[in-house]
Structure formats: structure tokens, C-alpha cells
N, C-alpha and C. Protein backbone atom coordinates (compact mmCIF):
# COMPACT_ATOMS: atom_id res chain seq x y z
N MET A 1 -5.71 -22.70 8.47
CA MET A 1 -6.58 -22.67 8.76
C MET A 1 -8.11 -21.18 8.19
N PRO A 2 -9.07 -21.84 7.73
CA PRO A 2 -9.97 -20.98 7.82
C PRO A 2 -10.25 -19.69 9.07
N LEU A 3 -10.29 -18.82 8.18
CA LEU A 3 -10.53 -17.26 8.61
C LEU A 3 -11.84 -17.47 9.90
N SER A 4 -13.03 -17.91 9.31
CA SER A 4 -13.94 -18.13 10.44
C SER A 4 -13.11 -19.26 11.35
N ASP A 5 -12.52 -19.92 11.55
CA ASP A 5 -11.95 -20.82 12.61
C ASP A 5 -11.31 -20.30 14.14
N THR A 6 -10.82 -18.51 13.81
CA THR A 6 -10.24 -17.78 14.35
C THR A 6 -11.22 -17.60 16.19
N GLY A 7 -12.83 -17.94 15.59
CA GLY A 7 -13.54 -17.30 16.52
C GLY A 7 -14.06 -15.65 16.54
N GLY A 8 -13.71 -14.75 16.12
CA GLY A 8 -13.88 -13.82 15.09
C GLY A 8 -13.44 -13.17 14.30
N GLU A 9 -13.32 -11.66 13.95
CA GLU A 9 -13.47 -11.35 12.54
C GLU A 9 -12.89 -11.67 11.42
N PRO A 10 -12.56 -11.43 10.42
CA PRO A 10 -11.31 -12.17 9.30
C PRO A 10 -10.22 -10.53 10.04
N HIS A 11 -10.59 -9.20 10.02
CA HIS A 11 -9.24 -9.00 10.19
C HIS A 11 -8.75 -8.98 11.35
N GLU A 12 -8.97 -9.59 12.34
CA GLU A 12 -8.64 -10.31 13.29
C GLU A 12 -7.67 -11.73 13.13
N HIS A 13 -7.74 -12.17 11.95
CA HIS A 13 -7.10 -13.51 11.75
C HIS A 13 -5.69 -12.79 12.25
N PRO A 14 -4.71 -14.43 12.73
CA PRO A 14 -3.17 -13.49 12.98
C PRO A 14 -2.59 -13.96 11.59
N LEU A 15 -2.68 -14.66 10.32
CA LEU A 15 -2.10 -14.86 9.37
C LEU A 15 -2.32 -13.27 8.73
N ILE A 16 -3.50 -12.70 8.28
CA ILE A 16 -3.80 -11.52 7.61
C ILE A 16 -2.64 -10.59 8.17
N HIS A 17 -2.83 -11.00 9.69
CA HIS A 17 -1.52 -9.54 10.58
C HIS A 17 -0.21 -9.72 9.76
N ASN A 18 0.25 -10.69 10.26
CA ASN A 18 1.36 -11.40 9.76
C ASN A 18 2.18 -11.01 8.32
N LEU A 19 1.34 -11.33 7.55
CA LEU A 19 0.73 -11.51 6.00
C LEU A 19 1.45 -10.03 6.00
N GLY A 20 0.64 -9.10 6.54
CA GLY A 20 0.32 -7.35 6.58
C GLY A 20 2.26 -6.80 6.57
N TYR A 21 2.16 -7.12 7.50
CA TYR A 21 3.51 -7.15 8.86
C TYR A 21 4.85 -6.94 8.02
N ALA A 22 4.94 -8.70 7.65
CA ALA A 22 6.13 -8.84 6.96
C ALA A 22 5.81 -8.13 5.29
N GLY A 23 4.60 -8.12 4.89
CA GLY A 23 5.18 -6.58 3.95
C GLY A 23 5.35 -5.43 3.84
N LEU A 24 5.90 -4.91 4.97
CA LEU A 24 6.60 -3.76 5.62
C LEU A 24 8.02 -4.58 5.59
N ILE A 25 8.54 -5.56 5.96
CA ILE A 25 10.04 -5.77 5.78
C ILE A 25 10.84 -5.05 4.78
N PRO A 26 10.86 -5.37 3.30
CA PRO A 26 11.38 -4.81 2.09
C PRO A 26 11.53 -3.42 2.47
N LEU A 27 10.03 -2.39 2.94
CA LEU A 27 10.02 -1.05 2.66
C LEU A 27 11.16 -0.45 4.15
N VAL A 28 10.78 -1.09 4.93
CA VAL A 28 11.59 -0.68 6.41
C VAL A 28 12.98 -1.12 6.23
N GLY A 29 13.35 -2.13 5.61
CA GLY A 29 14.63 -2.09 5.76
C GLY A 29 15.25 -1.65 4.46
N LEU A 30 15.38 -1.40 3.06
CA LEU A 30 15.09 -0.58 2.67
C LEU A 30 15.23 0.70 2.83
N ALA A 31 14.69 1.20 3.34
CA ALA A 31 14.77 3.06 3.80
C ALA A 31 15.66 2.89 5.05
N LEU A 32 16.21 1.91 5.59
CA LEU A 32 17.18 1.99 6.74
C LEU A 32 18.85 1.65 5.92
N LEU A 33 18.36 0.43 4.88
CA LEU A 33 19.26 0.22 3.67
C LEU A 33 20.08 1.66 2.85
N ILE A 34 18.92 2.66 2.70
CA ILE A 34 19.71 4.03 1.84
C ILE A 34 20.54 4.33 2.71
N TRP A 35 20.11 5.11 4.21
CA TRP A 35 21.18 6.01 4.72
C TRP A 35 22.46 5.09 4.94
N LEU A 36 22.65 3.37 4.89
CA LEU A 36 23.92 2.81 5.41
C LEU A 36 24.90 2.60 4.66
N VAL A 37 24.31 2.67 3.37
CA VAL A 37 24.87 1.78 1.83
C VAL A 37 25.99 3.48 1.56
N THR A 38 27.05 3.32 0.91
CA THR A 38 27.79 4.30 0.21
C THR A 38 26.90 4.67 -0.37
N PRO A 39 27.44 6.06 -0.93
CA PRO A 39 26.78 6.73 -2.23
C PRO A 39 26.40 6.51 -3.85
N ASP A 40 27.55 5.48 -4.18
CA ASP A 40 27.57 5.14 -5.39
C ASP A 40 26.35 3.48 -5.45
N LEU A 41 26.16 3.19 -4.43
CA LEU A 41 25.21 1.93 -3.87
C LEU A 41 23.58 3.17 -3.51
N GLN A 42 23.69 4.54 -3.09
CA GLN A 42 22.26 4.78 -2.94
C GLN A 42 21.19 4.63 -4.30
N ALA A 43 21.70 4.73 -5.24
CA ALA A 43 20.77 4.97 -6.50
C ALA A 43 19.97 3.32 -6.54
N TRP A 44 20.54 2.68 -6.19
CA TRP A 44 20.12 0.85 -6.71
C TRP A 44 19.23 0.90 -5.46
N VAL A 45 19.44 1.10 -4.04
CA VAL A 45 18.50 0.97 -3.05
C VAL A 45 16.87 1.54 -2.90
N ALA A 46 17.33 2.68 -3.80
CA ALA A 46 16.34 4.10 -4.16
C ALA A 46 15.59 3.17 -4.74
N LEU A 47 15.97 2.75 -6.23
CA LEU A 47 14.97 2.18 -6.88
C LEU A 47 14.58 0.61 -6.60
N ALA A 48 14.82 -0.01 -5.78
CA ALA A 48 14.56 -1.03 -5.41
C ALA A 48 13.28 -0.77 -3.85
N LEU A 49 13.72 0.72 -3.56
CA LEU A 49 12.40 0.72 -2.53
C LEU A 49 10.90 1.46 -3.15
N ALA A 50 11.72 2.08 -3.98
CA ALA A 50 10.70 2.74 -5.20
C ALA A 50 9.58 1.40 -5.50
N SER A 51 10.23 0.20 -6.70
CA SER A 51 9.72 -0.43 -6.96
C SER A 51 8.84 -1.33 -6.46
N TYR A 52 9.24 -1.44 -5.30
CA TYR A 52 8.39 -1.93 -3.64
C TYR A 52 7.22 -1.22 -3.81
N ALA A 53 7.56 0.00 -3.53
CA ALA A 53 6.09 1.34 -2.45
C ALA A 53 5.07 0.74 -3.57
N ALA A 54 5.76 1.02 -4.98
CA ALA A 54 4.93 1.28 -6.36
C ALA A 54 3.82 -0.11 -6.37
N LEU A 55 4.80 -1.23 -5.97
CA LEU A 55 4.33 -2.70 -6.49
C LEU A 55 2.96 -2.95 -5.28
N ILE A 56 3.59 -1.91 -3.63
CA ILE A 56 2.55 -2.04 -2.97
C ILE A 56 1.08 -1.47 -3.20
N THR A 57 1.12 0.30 -3.75
CA THR A 57 0.44 0.58 -4.30
C THR A 57 -0.53 0.50 -4.80
N SER A 58 -0.02 -0.71 -5.97
CA SER A 58 -0.85 -0.89 -7.43
C SER A 58 -1.27 -2.51 -6.81
N PHE A 59 -0.84 -2.97 -5.80
CA PHE A 59 -1.73 -3.84 -5.22
C PHE A 59 -2.83 -3.38 -3.68
N LEU A 60 -2.63 -2.31 -3.44
CA LEU A 60 -3.96 -1.60 -2.83
C LEU A 60 -5.16 -1.41 -3.99
N GLY A 61 -4.85 -1.04 -4.91
CA GLY A 61 -6.07 -0.71 -6.71
C GLY A 61 -6.89 -2.59 -6.64
N GLY A 62 -5.19 -3.29 -6.10
CA GLY A 62 -6.40 -4.38 -6.78
C GLY A 62 -7.15 -5.09 -6.00
N ILE A 63 -7.00 -5.10 -4.66
CA ILE A 63 -8.01 -4.95 -3.54
C ILE A 63 -10.02 -4.57 -4.61
N HIS A 64 -9.42 -3.29 -4.90
CA HIS A 64 -11.03 -2.92 -5.21
C HIS A 64 -11.19 -3.48 -6.14
N TRP A 65 -10.48 -4.24 -7.03
CA TRP A 65 -11.06 -5.09 -7.79
C TRP A 65 -12.18 -6.16 -7.38
N GLY A 66 -11.54 -7.06 -6.37
CA GLY A 66 -11.99 -7.81 -5.46
C GLY A 66 -12.67 -7.44 -5.03
N ILE A 67 -12.90 -6.54 -4.43
CA ILE A 67 -14.29 -5.33 -3.82
C ILE A 67 -15.41 -5.32 -4.67
N GLY A 68 -15.27 -5.22 -6.21
CA GLY A 68 -15.73 -4.97 -7.17
C GLY A 68 -16.38 -6.12 -7.08
N TRP A 69 -15.38 -7.07 -7.67
CA TRP A 69 -16.28 -8.41 -8.22
C TRP A 69 -17.46 -8.95 -6.73
N SER A 70 -16.66 -8.55 -5.80
CA SER A 70 -17.81 -9.34 -4.50
C SER A 70 -18.75 -8.83 -4.78
N ARG A 71 -19.15 -7.46 -4.86
CA ARG A 71 -20.31 -6.93 -5.14
C ARG A 71 -21.34 -6.47 -6.10
N LEU A 72 -20.89 -6.75 -7.26
CA LEU A 72 -21.39 -6.92 -8.60
C LEU A 72 -22.66 -7.82 -8.75
N THR A 73 -23.10 -8.50 -7.97
CA THR A 73 -24.51 -9.16 -8.36
C THR A 73 -24.95 -8.29 -6.77
N ARG A 74 -24.61 -8.67 -6.50
CA ARG A 74 -24.78 -7.40 -5.06
C ARG A 74 -25.47 -6.17 -5.06
N VAL A 75 -24.79 -5.36 -6.30
CA VAL A 75 -25.21 -3.49 -6.48
C VAL A 75 -24.61 -4.05 -7.99
N PRO A 76 -25.36 -3.89 -8.52
CA PRO A 76 -25.36 -3.70 -10.27
C PRO A 76 -25.26 -1.93 -10.40
N GLY A 77 -24.13 -2.28 -11.57
CA GLY A 77 -23.89 -0.90 -11.96
C GLY A 77 -23.05 0.33 -11.26
N SER A 78 -22.14 -0.48 -9.93
CA SER A 78 -21.67 0.23 -9.16
C SER A 78 -20.26 0.02 -9.67
N LYS A 79 -19.84 1.34 -9.69
CA LYS A 79 -18.23 1.14 -11.03
C LYS A 79 -17.01 1.83 -10.15
N THR A 80 -17.33 2.58 -8.74
CA THR A 80 -16.71 2.50 -7.73
C THR A 80 -15.32 2.13 -7.31
N HIS A 81 -15.38 0.79 -6.99
CA HIS A 81 -14.49 0.26 -6.94
C HIS A 81 -13.53 0.19 -8.12
N PHE A 82 -13.94 -0.40 -9.33
CA PHE A 82 -13.27 -0.87 -10.09
C PHE A 82 -12.40 0.62 -10.81
N LEU A 83 -13.10 1.71 -10.99
CA LEU A 83 -12.44 2.81 -11.46
C LEU A 83 -11.72 3.70 -10.24
N TRP A 84 -11.26 3.08 -8.83
CA TRP A 84 -10.63 3.64 -8.17
C TRP A 84 -9.45 2.66 -8.43
N GLY A 85 -9.48 1.47 -8.59
CA GLY A 85 -8.92 0.26 -8.62
C GLY A 85 -7.98 0.44 -9.89
N VAL A 86 -7.76 0.76 -10.50
CA VAL A 86 -6.90 1.56 -11.20
C VAL A 86 -5.92 2.59 -11.17
N MET A 87 -6.31 3.48 -9.76
CA MET A 87 -5.84 4.78 -9.87
C MET A 87 -4.66 4.90 -9.05
N PRO A 88 -4.40 3.58 -8.04
CA PRO A 88 -3.08 3.63 -7.07
C PRO A 88 -1.66 3.18 -8.53
N ALA A 89 -1.92 2.50 -9.28
CA ALA A 89 -0.66 2.06 -9.63
C ALA A 89 -0.72 3.23 -10.83
N LEU A 90 -1.35 3.87 -11.43
CA LEU A 90 -1.48 5.22 -12.23
C LEU A 90 -0.78 6.07 -11.66
N LEU A 91 -1.45 6.40 -10.46
CA LEU A 91 -0.52 7.26 -9.11
C LEU A 91 0.83 7.27 -9.01
N ALA A 92 1.04 6.20 -8.68
CA ALA A 92 2.65 5.25 -8.31
C ALA A 92 3.47 5.79 -9.87
N TRP A 93 3.35 5.02 -11.07
CA TRP A 93 4.00 4.91 -12.02
C TRP A 93 4.97 6.37 -11.72
N PRO A 94 4.61 7.66 -11.86
CA PRO A 94 5.52 8.30 -11.65
C PRO A 94 6.50 8.70 -10.41
N GLY A 95 6.41 8.21 -9.69
CA GLY A 95 7.33 8.07 -9.19
C GLY A 95 8.40 6.61 -9.18
N LEU A 96 8.40 6.22 -10.22
CA LEU A 96 9.31 5.14 -10.88
C LEU A 96 10.12 5.91 -11.91
N VAL A 97 9.58 6.87 -12.61
CA VAL A 97 10.24 7.90 -13.42
C VAL A 97 11.17 8.94 -12.87
N MET A 98 10.57 9.73 -11.54
CA MET A 98 11.10 10.55 -11.45
C MET A 98 12.78 10.45 -10.58
N PRO A 99 13.06 11.63 -10.70
CA PRO A 99 14.82 10.99 -9.07
C PRO A 99 13.88 10.74 -8.23
N PRO A 100 15.05 9.59 -7.21
CA PRO A 100 15.12 8.75 -6.71
C PRO A 100 14.23 9.71 -5.09
N TYR A 101 14.78 11.05 -5.02
CA TYR A 101 14.33 11.58 -4.06
C TYR A 101 12.75 12.44 -3.98
N ALA A 102 12.50 12.34 -5.47
CA ALA A 102 11.31 12.92 -5.51
C ALA A 102 10.68 12.17 -5.47
N GLY A 103 10.76 10.89 -6.48
CA GLY A 103 9.60 9.57 -6.40
C GLY A 103 9.18 9.05 -5.32
N LEU A 104 10.49 8.55 -4.27
CA LEU A 104 9.92 8.15 -2.77
C LEU A 104 9.25 8.95 -2.35
N ALA A 105 9.52 10.47 -2.46
CA ALA A 105 7.97 11.75 -1.63
C ALA A 105 7.21 11.30 -1.89
N TRP A 106 6.89 11.15 -3.34
CA TRP A 106 5.87 11.44 -4.41
C TRP A 106 5.28 9.85 -3.96
N LEU A 107 5.81 8.51 -3.52
CA LEU A 107 5.14 7.48 -3.39
C LEU A 107 4.56 7.59 -1.53
N GLY A 108 4.96 8.23 -1.16
CA GLY A 108 4.72 8.20 0.25
C GLY A 108 3.41 9.32 -0.23
N LEU A 109 3.56 10.35 -0.45
CA LEU A 109 2.36 11.06 -0.76
C LEU A 109 1.29 9.75 -1.64
N VAL A 110 1.43 9.11 -2.33
CA VAL A 110 0.64 9.00 -2.90
C VAL A 110 -0.02 7.26 -1.92
N LEU A 111 0.27 6.76 -0.95
CA LEU A 111 0.58 5.90 -0.47
C LEU A 111 -0.66 6.11 0.64
N ILE A 112 -0.01 7.61 1.01
CA ILE A 112 -1.48 8.59 2.18
C ILE A 112 -2.65 8.76 1.50
N VAL A 113 -2.89 9.32 0.18
CA VAL A 113 -4.04 9.21 -0.27
C VAL A 113 -4.54 8.53 -0.91
N CYS A 114 -4.14 7.08 -1.24
CA CYS A 114 -4.95 6.08 -1.23
C CYS A 114 -5.47 5.32 0.17
N TYR A 115 -4.98 6.05 1.17
CA TYR A 115 -5.24 5.39 2.59
C TYR A 115 -6.46 5.89 2.91
N LEU A 116 -7.00 7.57 2.77
CA LEU A 116 -7.65 8.28 2.69
C LEU A 116 -8.95 7.99 1.64
N VAL A 117 -8.51 7.35 0.33
CA VAL A 117 -9.49 7.21 -0.26
C VAL A 117 -10.31 6.08 -0.36
N ASP A 118 -9.34 4.92 0.63
CA ASP A 118 -10.45 3.84 1.35
C ASP A 118 -10.61 4.05 2.74
N ARG A 119 -10.55 4.74 3.07
CA ARG A 119 -11.57 5.39 4.59
C ARG A 119 -12.71 5.26 4.42
N LYS A 120 -13.09 5.74 3.15
CA LYS A 120 -14.12 6.08 2.35
C LYS A 120 -14.81 4.61 2.05
N LEU A 121 -14.49 4.20 0.74
CA LEU A 121 -15.19 3.48 0.25
C LEU A 121 -14.60 2.46 0.47
N TYR A 122 -13.73 1.80 1.48
CA TYR A 122 -14.00 0.18 2.72
C TYR A 122 -15.50 0.50 3.37
N ALA A 123 -15.62 2.21 4.30
CA ALA A 123 -16.79 1.96 4.84
C ALA A 123 -17.97 1.95 3.81
N GLN A 124 -18.04 2.42 3.05
CA GLN A 124 -18.75 2.46 2.63
C GLN A 124 -19.34 0.87 2.00
N ALA A 125 -18.66 -0.09 1.55
CA ALA A 125 -18.18 -1.25 0.90
C ALA A 125 -18.77 -2.24 2.79
N GLY A 126 -18.72 -1.77 3.83
CA GLY A 126 -18.92 -2.67 4.92
C GLY A 126 -17.64 -2.88 5.55
N LEU A 127 -16.50 -2.26 5.21
CA LEU A 127 -15.39 -3.26 5.21
C LEU A 127 -14.57 -2.51 6.39
N GLY A 128 -15.41 -1.32 6.75
CA GLY A 128 -14.32 -0.23 8.00
C GLY A 128 -13.90 -1.21 8.50
N ALA A 129 -13.67 -2.05 9.15
CA ALA A 129 -12.90 -2.35 10.70
C ALA A 129 -12.04 -3.09 9.83
N TRP A 130 -11.45 -3.18 8.77
CA TRP A 130 -9.77 -3.33 8.30
C TRP A 130 -9.04 -1.79 8.31
N LEU A 131 -9.61 -1.23 8.94
CA LEU A 131 -9.20 -0.04 8.15
C LEU A 131 -7.92 0.67 9.67
N LYS A 132 -8.02 -0.22 10.83
CA LYS A 132 -6.95 0.04 11.53
C LYS A 132 -6.01 -0.31 11.01
N LEU A 133 -5.59 -2.22 10.77
CA LEU A 133 -4.39 -2.49 10.10
C LEU A 133 -4.06 -1.35 9.25
N ARG A 134 -5.34 -1.16 8.19
CA ARG A 134 -5.06 -0.31 7.13
C ARG A 134 -4.00 0.57 7.53
N PHE A 135 -4.54 1.25 8.28
CA PHE A 135 -3.73 2.88 8.32
C PHE A 135 -2.62 2.00 9.09
N ARG A 136 -1.82 1.09 9.71
CA ARG A 136 -0.96 0.87 10.75
C ARG A 136 -0.09 0.86 9.26
N LEU A 137 -0.43 -0.28 8.78
CA LEU A 137 0.06 -0.79 6.99
C LEU A 137 0.62 0.46 6.46
N SER A 138 0.07 1.09 5.68
CA SER A 138 0.07 3.10 5.38
C SER A 138 0.86 3.65 5.53
N ALA A 139 1.04 3.78 7.22
CA ALA A 139 1.81 4.78 7.73
C ALA A 139 3.07 4.32 7.86
N VAL A 140 3.32 2.93 8.34
CA VAL A 140 4.51 2.52 7.77
C VAL A 140 5.38 2.57 6.85
N ALA A 141 4.66 2.07 5.62
CA ALA A 141 5.19 1.97 4.26
C ALA A 141 5.31 3.66 4.03
N ALA A 142 4.63 4.51 3.75
CA ALA A 142 4.31 6.16 3.94
C ALA A 142 5.99 6.71 3.95
N LEU A 143 6.22 6.22 5.60
CA LEU A 143 6.86 7.08 6.17
C LEU A 143 8.88 6.49 5.69
N SER A 144 8.63 5.06 5.26
CA SER A 144 9.66 4.33 4.96
C SER A 144 10.18 4.88 3.71
N CYS A 145 9.14 5.84 2.70
CA CYS A 145 8.98 6.09 1.99
C CYS A 145 9.78 7.39 1.92
N PHE A 146 9.49 8.54 2.66
CA PHE A 146 9.49 9.39 3.18
C PHE A 146 10.93 10.03 3.65
N ILE A 147 11.34 8.53 4.61
CA ILE A 147 12.88 8.06 5.46
C ILE A 147 14.12 8.22 4.20
N GLY A 148 13.35 7.49 3.28
CA GLY A 148 14.25 7.40 1.90
C GLY A 148 14.16 7.99 1.38
N ALA A 149 13.40 8.88 1.34
CA ALA A 149 14.09 10.11 0.02
C ALA A 149 14.97 10.81 1.38
N GLY A 150 14.73 10.87 2.65
CA GLY A 150 15.64 11.85 3.09
C GLY A 150 16.72 11.69 2.96
N ALA A 151 17.16 10.38 2.85
CA ALA A 151 18.80 10.32 2.49
C ALA A 151 19.60 10.55 1.25
N LEU A 152 18.36 11.00 0.17
CA LEU A 152 18.95 10.68 -1.27
C LEU A 152 19.56 12.48 -1.14
């Protein structure tokens, strides 16, 4: 179903919400699993959680490239979204090479920073309506990283 067929705004589309919340399943599941497995398996679960969190963080940067491309013809010379778009991946990367307890805490912090930056950039791009959903997804993602770090 096209986004316009919902009768509401695109940010209200059920598919977008469902996919966003489904994307939290690995984060929440792994954050809980890390508390349940034996200590010899925690490192593997922590790596899976950190890797997925880093992927999600990189995805958040990729969104800015999409925003940048869509604005390129309307706002010539606008580089903000392209420049910020590479930062989430660069910030997430150290979280994969740190000890798991520190890396997960770092990734949780990076997810919060990404949301705070996006609050400003989304609003400037006329996408402020997405921030309610984005806050919910970011809060659960960051909390999952912190919960996982707490198990180690």
C-alpha cells in the first residue's frame, strides 16, 4: 500500500512503525539473553548485540544521505546531511573494538547523541513529525545497549 493511501502522514503509516519496532527485536532480545546465558557465552552475545547496534547506528547516518540527496536540487550547497551522515558509523566503530562492557555503553551513548543531533537536523529539513517515533526507537535501542553492558 502506498504511503499516501493511509489517509494520514507518512510517519503514521503502519508499515513504518512495524518495521521500526521489529528492528528493536534483536536489540531487546540480545540485551535480555546476555543476562541469561552462561559466562562463557556472554562474549558472543555481547558481540552480536554490539554489532547489531553499530549497524543500526550506521543506518541512522544513511538516512541523512537520503535526506541530503532529496534536498540537493532544492537547497544547493547544503552539505550538513552528507557530513553528519558519515559520523554515526565512525562513532559506532570504536564500540566494536572496545571491551564489550565499554563498547555497549559507548554504543548506547552514540545512539543518544544521534537522536539529539537528528532532533535539530530533522526539524530543519521539515521532518520533525518523525521525531516521536524516532525518540521511542532510539530510547529502546540505547537502553538495550546499557542493559547489555550491565550484565558484563
